[in-house]
Amino acid sequence: VFFYVFVSTSVGLAAAPATTHDVARALGAG
């Protein structure tokens, strides 16, 4: 099961739009 969960989690963690990352950085989030 390891690779199934690893790949799906990795893809999901990269799925957030770049704009949400920009907002988080602008608010000072680490």
Full PDB file with SEQRES, HELIX, SHEET, SSBOND, CRYST1, ORIGX, SCALE, CONECT and MASTER records, all heavy atoms in Angstrom:
SEQRES   1 A   30  VAL PHE PHE TYR VAL PHE VAL SER THR SER VAL GLY LEU          
SEQRES   2 A   30  ALA ALA ALA PRO ALA THR THR HIS ASP VAL ALA ARG ALA          
SEQRES   3 A   30  LEU GLY ALA GLY                                              
HELIX    1 AA1 PHE A    2  LEU A   13  1                                  12    
HELIX    2 AA2 ALA A   18  ALA A   26  1                                   9    
CRYST1    1.000    1.000    1.000  90.00  90.00  90.00 P 1           1          
ORIGX1      1.000000  0.000000  0.000000        0.00000                         
ORIGX2      0.000000  1.000000  0.000000        0.00000                         
ORIGX3      0.000000  0.000000  1.000000        0.00000                         
SCALE1      1.000000  0.000000  0.000000        0.00000                         
SCALE2      0.000000  1.000000  0.000000        0.00000                         
SCALE3      0.000000  0.000000  1.000000        0.00000                         
ATOM      1  N   VAL A   1       0.810  -1.225   0.000  1.00  0.00           N  
ATOM      2  CA  VAL A   1       0.000   0.000   0.000  1.00  0.00           C  
ATOM      3  C   VAL A   1       0.840   1.271   0.000  1.00  0.00           C  
ATOM      4  O   VAL A   1       0.314   2.355  -0.288  1.00  0.00           O  
ATOM      5  CB  VAL A   1      -0.954   0.037   1.220  1.00  0.00           C  
ATOM      6  CG1 VAL A   1      -1.747  -1.242   1.317  1.00  0.00           C  
ATOM      7  CG2 VAL A   1      -0.209   0.278   2.516  1.00  0.00           C  
ATOM      8  N   PHE A   2       2.130   1.162   0.322  1.00  0.00           N  
ATOM      9  CA  PHE A   2       2.933   2.361   0.556  1.00  0.00           C  
ATOM     10  C   PHE A   2       2.926   3.317  -0.636  1.00  0.00           C  
ATOM     11  O   PHE A   2       2.636   4.517  -0.492  1.00  0.00           O  
ATOM     12  CB  PHE A   2       4.379   1.953   0.890  1.00  0.00           C  
ATOM     13  CG  PHE A   2       5.294   3.126   1.099  1.00  0.00           C  
ATOM     14  CD1 PHE A   2       5.405   3.719   2.341  1.00  0.00           C  
ATOM     15  CD2 PHE A   2       6.044   3.632   0.058  1.00  0.00           C  
ATOM     16  CE1 PHE A   2       6.244   4.806   2.539  1.00  0.00           C  
ATOM     17  CE2 PHE A   2       6.890   4.719   0.232  1.00  0.00           C  
ATOM     18  CZ  PHE A   2       6.991   5.300   1.485  1.00  0.00           C  
ATOM     19  N   PHE A   3       3.216   2.811  -1.823  1.00  0.00           N  
ATOM     20  CA  PHE A   3       3.393   3.699  -2.972  1.00  0.00           C  
ATOM     21  C   PHE A   3       2.069   4.330  -3.394  1.00  0.00           C  
ATOM     22  O   PHE A   3       2.038   5.479  -3.841  1.00  0.00           O  
ATOM     23  CB  PHE A   3       4.017   2.930  -4.131  1.00  0.00           C  
ATOM     24  CG  PHE A   3       4.653   3.821  -5.169  1.00  0.00           C  
ATOM     25  CD1 PHE A   3       5.743   4.602  -4.842  1.00  0.00           C  
ATOM     26  CD2 PHE A   3       4.162   3.878  -6.448  1.00  0.00           C  
ATOM     27  CE1 PHE A   3       6.347   5.425  -5.788  1.00  0.00           C  
ATOM     28  CE2 PHE A   3       4.747   4.697  -7.407  1.00  0.00           C  
ATOM     29  CZ  PHE A   3       5.843   5.476  -7.071  1.00  0.00           C  
ATOM     30  N   TYR A   4       0.967   3.583  -3.274  1.00  0.00           N  
ATOM     31  CA  TYR A   4      -0.339   4.156  -3.609  1.00  0.00           C  
ATOM     32  C   TYR A   4      -0.610   5.409  -2.781  1.00  0.00           C  
ATOM     33  O   TYR A   4      -0.995   6.459  -3.303  1.00  0.00           O  
ATOM     34  CB  TYR A   4      -1.457   3.138  -3.353  1.00  0.00           C  
ATOM     35  CG  TYR A   4      -1.459   1.950  -4.277  1.00  0.00           C  
ATOM     36  CD1 TYR A   4      -1.263   0.663  -3.789  1.00  0.00           C  
ATOM     37  CD2 TYR A   4      -1.692   2.104  -5.630  1.00  0.00           C  
ATOM     38  CE1 TYR A   4      -1.284  -0.433  -4.628  1.00  0.00           C  
ATOM     39  CE2 TYR A   4      -1.714   1.012  -6.481  1.00  0.00           C  
ATOM     40  CZ  TYR A   4      -1.505  -0.251  -5.976  1.00  0.00           C  
ATOM     41  OH  TYR A   4      -1.524  -1.343  -6.807  1.00  0.00           O  
ATOM     42  N   VAL A   5      -0.434   5.286  -1.476  1.00  0.00           N  
ATOM     43  CA  VAL A   5      -0.731   6.414  -0.583  1.00  0.00           C  
ATOM     44  C   VAL A   5       0.300   7.518  -0.753  1.00  0.00           C  
ATOM     45  O   VAL A   5      -0.041   8.704  -0.734  1.00  0.00           O  
ATOM     46  CB  VAL A   5      -0.792   5.928   0.877  1.00  0.00           C  
ATOM     47  CG1 VAL A   5      -1.074   7.094   1.823  1.00  0.00           C  
ATOM     48  CG2 VAL A   5      -1.869   4.857   1.044  1.00  0.00           C  
ATOM     49  N   PHE A   6       1.555   7.154  -0.957  1.00  0.00           N  
ATOM     50  CA  PHE A   6       2.602   8.171  -1.105  1.00  0.00           C  
ATOM     51  C   PHE A   6       2.357   9.022  -2.342  1.00  0.00           C  
ATOM     52  O   PHE A   6       2.411  10.256  -2.286  1.00  0.00           O  
ATOM     53  CB  PHE A   6       3.971   7.506  -1.183  1.00  0.00           C  
ATOM     54  CG  PHE A   6       5.098   8.483  -1.409  1.00  0.00           C  
ATOM     55  CD1 PHE A   6       5.633   9.199  -0.359  1.00  0.00           C  
ATOM     56  CD2 PHE A   6       5.610   8.686  -2.676  1.00  0.00           C  
ATOM     57  CE1 PHE A   6       6.657  10.113  -0.559  1.00  0.00           C  
ATOM     58  CE2 PHE A   6       6.634   9.596  -2.897  1.00  0.00           C  
ATOM     59  CZ  PHE A   6       7.161  10.308  -1.833  1.00  0.00           C  
ATOM     60  N   VAL A   7       2.087   8.382  -3.482  1.00  0.00           N  
ATOM     61  CA  VAL A   7       1.871   9.127  -4.726  1.00  0.00           C  
ATOM     62  C   VAL A   7       0.628  10.000  -4.623  1.00  0.00           C  
ATOM     63  O   VAL A   7       0.643  11.188  -4.985  1.00  0.00           O  
ATOM     64  CB  VAL A   7       1.757   8.165  -5.925  1.00  0.00           C  
ATOM     65  CG1 VAL A   7       1.286   8.901  -7.168  1.00  0.00           C  
ATOM     66  CG2 VAL A   7       3.113   7.517  -6.200  1.00  0.00           C  
ATOM     67  N   SER A   8      -0.469   9.431  -4.143  1.00  0.00           N  
ATOM     68  CA  SER A   8      -1.709  10.212  -4.068  1.00  0.00           C  
ATOM     69  C   SER A   8      -1.566  11.377  -3.099  1.00  0.00           C  
ATOM     70  O   SER A   8      -2.075  12.481  -3.366  1.00  0.00           O  
ATOM     71  CB  SER A   8      -2.870   9.314  -3.653  1.00  0.00           C  
ATOM     72  OG  SER A   8      -2.640   8.739  -2.378  1.00  0.00           O  
ATOM     73  N   THR A   9      -0.870  11.176  -1.989  1.00  0.00           N  
ATOM     74  CA  THR A   9      -0.668  12.267  -1.038  1.00  0.00           C  
ATOM     75  C   THR A   9       0.245  13.336  -1.625  1.00  0.00           C  
ATOM     76  O   THR A   9      -0.014  14.542  -1.475  1.00  0.00           O  
ATOM     77  CB  THR A   9      -0.072  11.732   0.275  1.00  0.00           C  
ATOM     78  OG1 THR A   9      -0.920  10.718   0.807  1.00  0.00           O  
ATOM     79  CG2 THR A   9       0.066  12.846   1.303  1.00  0.00           C  
ATOM     80  N   SER A  10       1.307  12.922  -2.296  1.00  0.00           N  
ATOM     81  CA  SER A  10       2.236  13.883  -2.903  1.00  0.00           C  
ATOM     82  C   SER A  10       1.535  14.733  -3.950  1.00  0.00           C  
ATOM     83  O   SER A  10       1.712  15.957  -3.998  1.00  0.00           O  
ATOM     84  CB  SER A  10       3.422  13.142  -3.530  1.00  0.00           C  
ATOM     85  OG  SER A  10       4.144  12.426  -2.550  1.00  0.00           O  
ATOM     86  N   VAL A  11       0.725  14.088  -4.797  1.00  0.00           N  
ATOM     87  CA  VAL A  11      -0.010  14.838  -5.819  1.00  0.00           C  
ATOM     88  C   VAL A  11      -1.012  15.781  -5.169  1.00  0.00           C  
ATOM     89  O   VAL A  11      -1.169  16.935  -5.571  1.00  0.00           O  
ATOM     90  CB  VAL A  11      -0.717  13.863  -6.780  1.00  0.00           C  
ATOM     91  CG1 VAL A  11      -1.651  14.617  -7.719  1.00  0.00           C  
ATOM     92  CG2 VAL A  11       0.305  13.093  -7.581  1.00  0.00           C  
ATOM     93  N   GLY A  12      -1.686  15.311  -4.134  1.00  0.00           N  
ATOM     94  CA  GLY A  12      -2.650  16.156  -3.449  1.00  0.00           C  
ATOM     95  C   GLY A  12      -2.017  17.351  -2.769  1.00  0.00           C  
ATOM     96  O   GLY A  12      -2.559  18.465  -2.798  1.00  0.00           O  
ATOM     97  N   LEU A  13      -0.855  17.152  -2.169  1.00  0.00           N  
ATOM     98  CA  LEU A  13      -0.168  18.266  -1.499  1.00  0.00           C  
ATOM     99  C   LEU A  13       0.311  19.317  -2.493  1.00  0.00           C  
ATOM    100  O   LEU A  13       0.534  20.475  -2.125  1.00  0.00           O  
ATOM    101  CB  LEU A  13       1.022  17.736  -0.694  1.00  0.00           C  
ATOM    102  CG  LEU A  13       0.664  16.913   0.551  1.00  0.00           C  
ATOM    103  CD1 LEU A  13       1.916  16.280   1.151  1.00  0.00           C  
ATOM    104  CD2 LEU A  13      -0.034  17.778   1.595  1.00  0.00           C  
ATOM    105  N   ALA A  14       0.493  18.909  -3.755  1.00  0.00           N  
ATOM    106  CA  ALA A  14       0.901  19.869  -4.788  1.00  0.00           C  
ATOM    107  C   ALA A  14      -0.276  20.468  -5.530  1.00  0.00           C  
ATOM    108  O   ALA A  14      -0.087  21.210  -6.489  1.00  0.00           O  
ATOM    109  CB  ALA A  14       1.824  19.173  -5.789  1.00  0.00           C  
ATOM    110  N   ALA A  15      -1.508  20.161  -5.080  1.00  0.00           N  
ATOM    111  CA  ALA A  15      -2.691  20.553  -5.842  1.00  0.00           C  
ATOM    112  C   ALA A  15      -3.214  21.942  -5.493  1.00  0.00           C  
ATOM    113  O   ALA A  15      -4.015  22.487  -6.236  1.00  0.00           O  
ATOM    114  CB  ALA A  15      -3.802  19.532  -5.628  1.00  0.00           C  
ATOM    115  N   ALA A  16      -2.801  22.484  -4.352  1.00  0.00           N  
ATOM    116  CA  ALA A  16      -3.319  23.799  -3.974  1.00  0.00           C  
ATOM    117  C   ALA A  16      -2.861  24.858  -4.974  1.00  0.00           C  
ATOM    118  O   ALA A  16      -1.690  24.889  -5.362  1.00  0.00           O  
ATOM    119  CB  ALA A  16      -2.842  24.165  -2.573  1.00  0.00           C  
ATOM    120  N   PRO A  17      -3.756  25.742  -5.435  1.00  0.00           N  
ATOM    121  CA  PRO A  17      -3.368  26.776  -6.400  1.00  0.00           C  
ATOM    122  C   PRO A  17      -2.267  27.678  -5.855  1.00  0.00           C  
ATOM    123  O   PRO A  17      -2.157  27.901  -4.650  1.00  0.00           O  
ATOM    124  CB  PRO A  17      -4.672  27.561  -6.610  1.00  0.00           C  
ATOM    125  CG  PRO A  17      -5.760  26.632  -6.193  1.00  0.00           C  
ATOM    126  CD  PRO A  17      -5.192  25.789  -5.101  1.00  0.00           C  
ATOM    127  N   ALA A  18      -1.454  28.199  -6.763  1.00  0.00           N  
ATOM    128  CA  ALA A  18      -0.347  29.075  -6.359  1.00  0.00           C  
ATOM    129  C   ALA A  18      -0.847  30.315  -5.635  1.00  0.00           C  
ATOM    130  O   ALA A  18      -0.154  30.855  -4.755  1.00  0.00           O  
ATOM    131  CB  ALA A  18       0.464  29.475  -7.591  1.00  0.00           C  
ATOM    132  N   THR A  19      -2.060  30.777  -5.962  1.00  0.00           N  
ATOM    133  CA  THR A  19      -2.586  31.981  -5.315  1.00  0.00           C  
ATOM    134  C   THR A  19      -2.784  31.771  -3.815  1.00  0.00           C  
ATOM    135  O   THR A  19      -2.573  32.695  -3.018  1.00  0.00           O  
ATOM    136  CB  THR A  19      -3.924  32.382  -5.953  1.00  0.00           C  
ATOM    137  OG1 THR A  19      -4.811  31.246  -5.951  1.00  0.00           O  
ATOM    138  CG2 THR A  19      -3.720  32.847  -7.383  1.00  0.00           C  
ATOM    139  N   THR A  20      -3.189  30.555  -3.414  1.00  0.00           N  
ATOM    140  CA  THR A  20      -3.371  30.303  -1.986  1.00  0.00           C  
ATOM    141  C   THR A  20      -2.033  30.292  -1.256  1.00  0.00           C  
ATOM    142  O   THR A  20      -1.942  30.732  -0.103  1.00  0.00           O  
ATOM    143  CB  THR A  20      -4.087  28.965  -1.770  1.00  0.00           C  
ATOM    144  OG1 THR A  20      -3.318  27.899  -2.353  1.00  0.00           O  
ATOM    145  CG2 THR A  20      -5.465  28.972  -2.408  1.00  0.00           C  
ATOM    146  N   HIS A  21      -0.977  29.815  -1.913  1.00  0.00           N  
ATOM    147  CA  HIS A  21       0.361  29.890  -1.310  1.00  0.00           C  
ATOM    148  C   HIS A  21       0.782  31.351  -1.143  1.00  0.00           C  
ATOM    149  O   HIS A  21       1.377  31.726  -0.120  1.00  0.00           O  
ATOM    150  CB  HIS A  21       1.372  29.145  -2.192  1.00  0.00           C  
ATOM    151  CG  HIS A  21       1.249  27.651  -2.128  1.00  0.00           C  
ATOM    152  ND1 HIS A  21       1.956  26.881  -1.238  1.00  0.00           N  
ATOM    153  CD2 HIS A  21       0.491  26.782  -2.849  1.00  0.00           C  
ATOM    154  CE1 HIS A  21       1.653  25.611  -1.404  1.00  0.00           C  
ATOM    155  NE2 HIS A  21       0.771  25.522  -2.387  1.00  0.00           N  
ATOM    156  N   ASP A  22       0.492  32.155  -2.149  1.00  0.00           N  
ATOM    157  CA  ASP A  22       0.852  33.578  -2.068  1.00  0.00           C  
ATOM    158  C   ASP A  22       0.125  34.262  -0.917  1.00  0.00           C  
ATOM    159  O   ASP A  22       0.711  35.070  -0.179  1.00  0.00           O  
ATOM    160  CB  ASP A  22       0.517  34.273  -3.388  1.00  0.00           C  
ATOM    161  CG  ASP A  22       1.355  33.759  -4.550  1.00  0.00           C  
ATOM    162  OD1 ASP A  22       2.446  33.203  -4.278  1.00  0.00           O  
ATOM    163  OD2 ASP A  22       0.921  33.899  -5.711  1.00  0.00           O  
ATOM    164  N   VAL A  23      -1.149  33.946  -0.744  1.00  0.00           N  
ATOM    165  CA  VAL A  23      -1.912  34.541   0.355  1.00  0.00           C  
ATOM    166  C   VAL A  23      -1.338  34.113   1.700  1.00  0.00           C  
ATOM    167  O   VAL A  23      -1.204  34.927   2.627  1.00  0.00           O  
ATOM    168  CB  VAL A  23      -3.399  34.146   0.241  1.00  0.00           C  
ATOM    169  CG1 VAL A  23      -4.163  34.566   1.490  1.00  0.00           C  
ATOM    170  CG2 VAL A  23      -4.028  34.754  -0.993  1.00  0.00           C  
ATOM    171  N   ALA A  24      -0.990  32.815   1.818  1.00  0.00           N  
ATOM    172  CA  ALA A  24      -0.434  32.320   3.078  1.00  0.00           C  
ATOM    173  C   ALA A  24       0.882  33.020   3.405  1.00  0.00           C  
ATOM    174  O   ALA A  24       1.135  33.411   4.562  1.00  0.00           O  
ATOM    175  CB  ALA A  24      -0.235  30.807   2.996  1.00  0.00           C  
ATOM    176  N   ARG A  25       1.740  33.195   2.383  1.00  0.00           N  
ATOM    177  CA  ARG A  25       3.016  33.885   2.626  1.00  0.00           C  
ATOM    178  C   ARG A  25       2.775  35.341   2.996  1.00  0.00           C  
ATOM    179  O   ARG A  25       3.467  35.903   3.858  1.00  0.00           O  
ATOM    180  CB  ARG A  25       3.905  33.781   1.388  1.00  0.00           C  
ATOM    181  CG  ARG A  25       4.586  32.427   1.227  1.00  0.00           C  
ATOM    182  CD  ARG A  25       5.716  32.501   0.207  1.00  0.00           C  
ATOM    183  NE  ARG A  25       5.187  32.789  -1.131  1.00  0.00           N  
ATOM    184  CZ  ARG A  25       4.845  31.850  -2.008  1.00  0.00           C  
ATOM    185  NH1 ARG A  25       4.954  30.570  -1.678  1.00  0.00           N  
ATOM    186  NH2 ARG A  25       4.386  32.178  -3.214  1.00  0.00           N  
ATOM    187  N   ALA A  26       1.804  35.986   2.334  1.00  0.00           N  
ATOM    188  CA  ALA A  26       1.514  37.390   2.638  1.00  0.00           C  
ATOM    189  C   ALA A  26       1.023  37.564   4.070  1.00  0.00           C  
ATOM    190  O   ALA A  26       1.252  38.616   4.689  1.00  0.00           O  
ATOM    191  CB  ALA A  26       0.470  37.925   1.660  1.00  0.00           C  
ATOM    192  N   LEU A  27       0.370  36.553   4.617  1.00  0.00           N  
ATOM    193  CA  LEU A  27      -0.114  36.614   5.993  1.00  0.00           C  
ATOM    194  C   LEU A  27       0.935  36.161   6.995  1.00  0.00           C  
ATOM    195  O   LEU A  27       0.643  36.075   8.194  1.00  0.00           O  
ATOM    196  CB  LEU A  27      -1.375  35.751   6.132  1.00  0.00           C  
ATOM    197  CG  LEU A  27      -2.601  36.220   5.338  1.00  0.00           C  
ATOM    198  CD1 LEU A  27      -3.735  35.214   5.464  1.00  0.00           C  
ATOM    199  CD2 LEU A  27      -3.049  37.595   5.813  1.00  0.00           C  
ATOM    200  N   GLY A  28       2.138  35.853   6.502  1.00  0.00           N  
ATOM    201  CA  GLY A  28       3.237  35.490   7.390  1.00  0.00           C  
ATOM    202  C   GLY A  28       3.263  34.038   7.815  1.00  0.00           C  
ATOM    203  O   GLY A  28       3.947  33.692   8.785  1.00  0.00           O  
ATOM    204  N   ALA A  29       2.547  33.169   7.128  1.00  0.00           N  
ATOM    205  CA  ALA A  29       2.541  31.750   7.496  1.00  0.00           C  
ATOM    206  C   ALA A  29       3.860  31.089   7.125  1.00  0.00           C  
ATOM    207  O   ALA A  29       4.393  31.312   6.031  1.00  0.00           O  
ATOM    208  CB  ALA A  29       1.390  31.038   6.793  1.00  0.00           C  
ATOM    209  N   GLY A  30       4.397  30.274   8.017  1.00  0.00           N  
ATOM    210  CA  GLY A  30       5.606  29.517   7.735  1.00  0.00           C  
ATOM    211  C   GLY A  30       5.298  28.294   6.897  1.00  0.00           C  
ATOM    212  O   GLY A  30       4.150  28.047   6.504  1.00  0.00           O  
TER     213      GLY A  30                                                      
MASTER        0    0    0    2    0    0    0    6  212    1    0    3          
END                                                                             
